Amino acid sequence: MTKIKLCGLFSKADIIYANQAQPDFVGFVFVKTSRRYVNFQQAAALRKKLDRRIPAVGVFVNEPLINIQKAFKAGIIQYAQLQGQESEEFVKQLQAKAIPVIRAISAGQLPFKSQAEYLLIDGPKAGSGQAFSWSTVARPDQAFFLAGGITLTNVLQAIKEFSPSVIDVSSGIETRGVKDQQKMISIVRKVHYANN
């Protein structure tokens, strides 16, 4: 059964829409170079408004372990997504603190093995919103998120061709750089409906 994560939420409206859409995960981006960046204080306020049943993923790039642990302990996030050059040793250190890990790699790095709870397979340029050719890539032999250029028009094809554990979408649920209520609700329904 494929699940879905709506990533890059950064406003109160985004949270209202997410509560309506009921995805399986949401994502907060703690990367200062991202236009979807939120700090821990902002994310904590958003998490309070988010339906408690929806786990939040914190997206990090080479963040010190202590900061990730703080966000986890405060209940802001329930998963850590590593988008930088973090080592497998770092993955183990987070897991030793009971923090589940999503390890992001580009499609070009497959085959790839990690002891993280999930891999996240993205296109050549993470966050670019560009899809890659799913049929030309070997499927990993562990649970994984699929990101990169997924939209309402190709999400069912992505599920059919690559059978990811979780679909990860951000720019594909935006209109002119802002989260779109209808797109968020529609894509969640599409993914959940595809499972039936």
Foldseek 3Di string as FASTA:
>chain_A
DAFEEAELDQDLVSQVLCQVQVGQEYEAECDVVDPSHDHLVSLLVSQVSHDPNHFYEYEDEPDDPVRVLVSVVSVSGQAYEYDYPDDLVSCVVCVVSVHAYEYEDELVPPPDDHPGQEYEYEHPDPPPLADDDLQVGDAYPHAYEYEHNDALVCPLVCCVRHVHNYYYYYVRQDDPRHGHSVRSNNVNCVVVVSVD
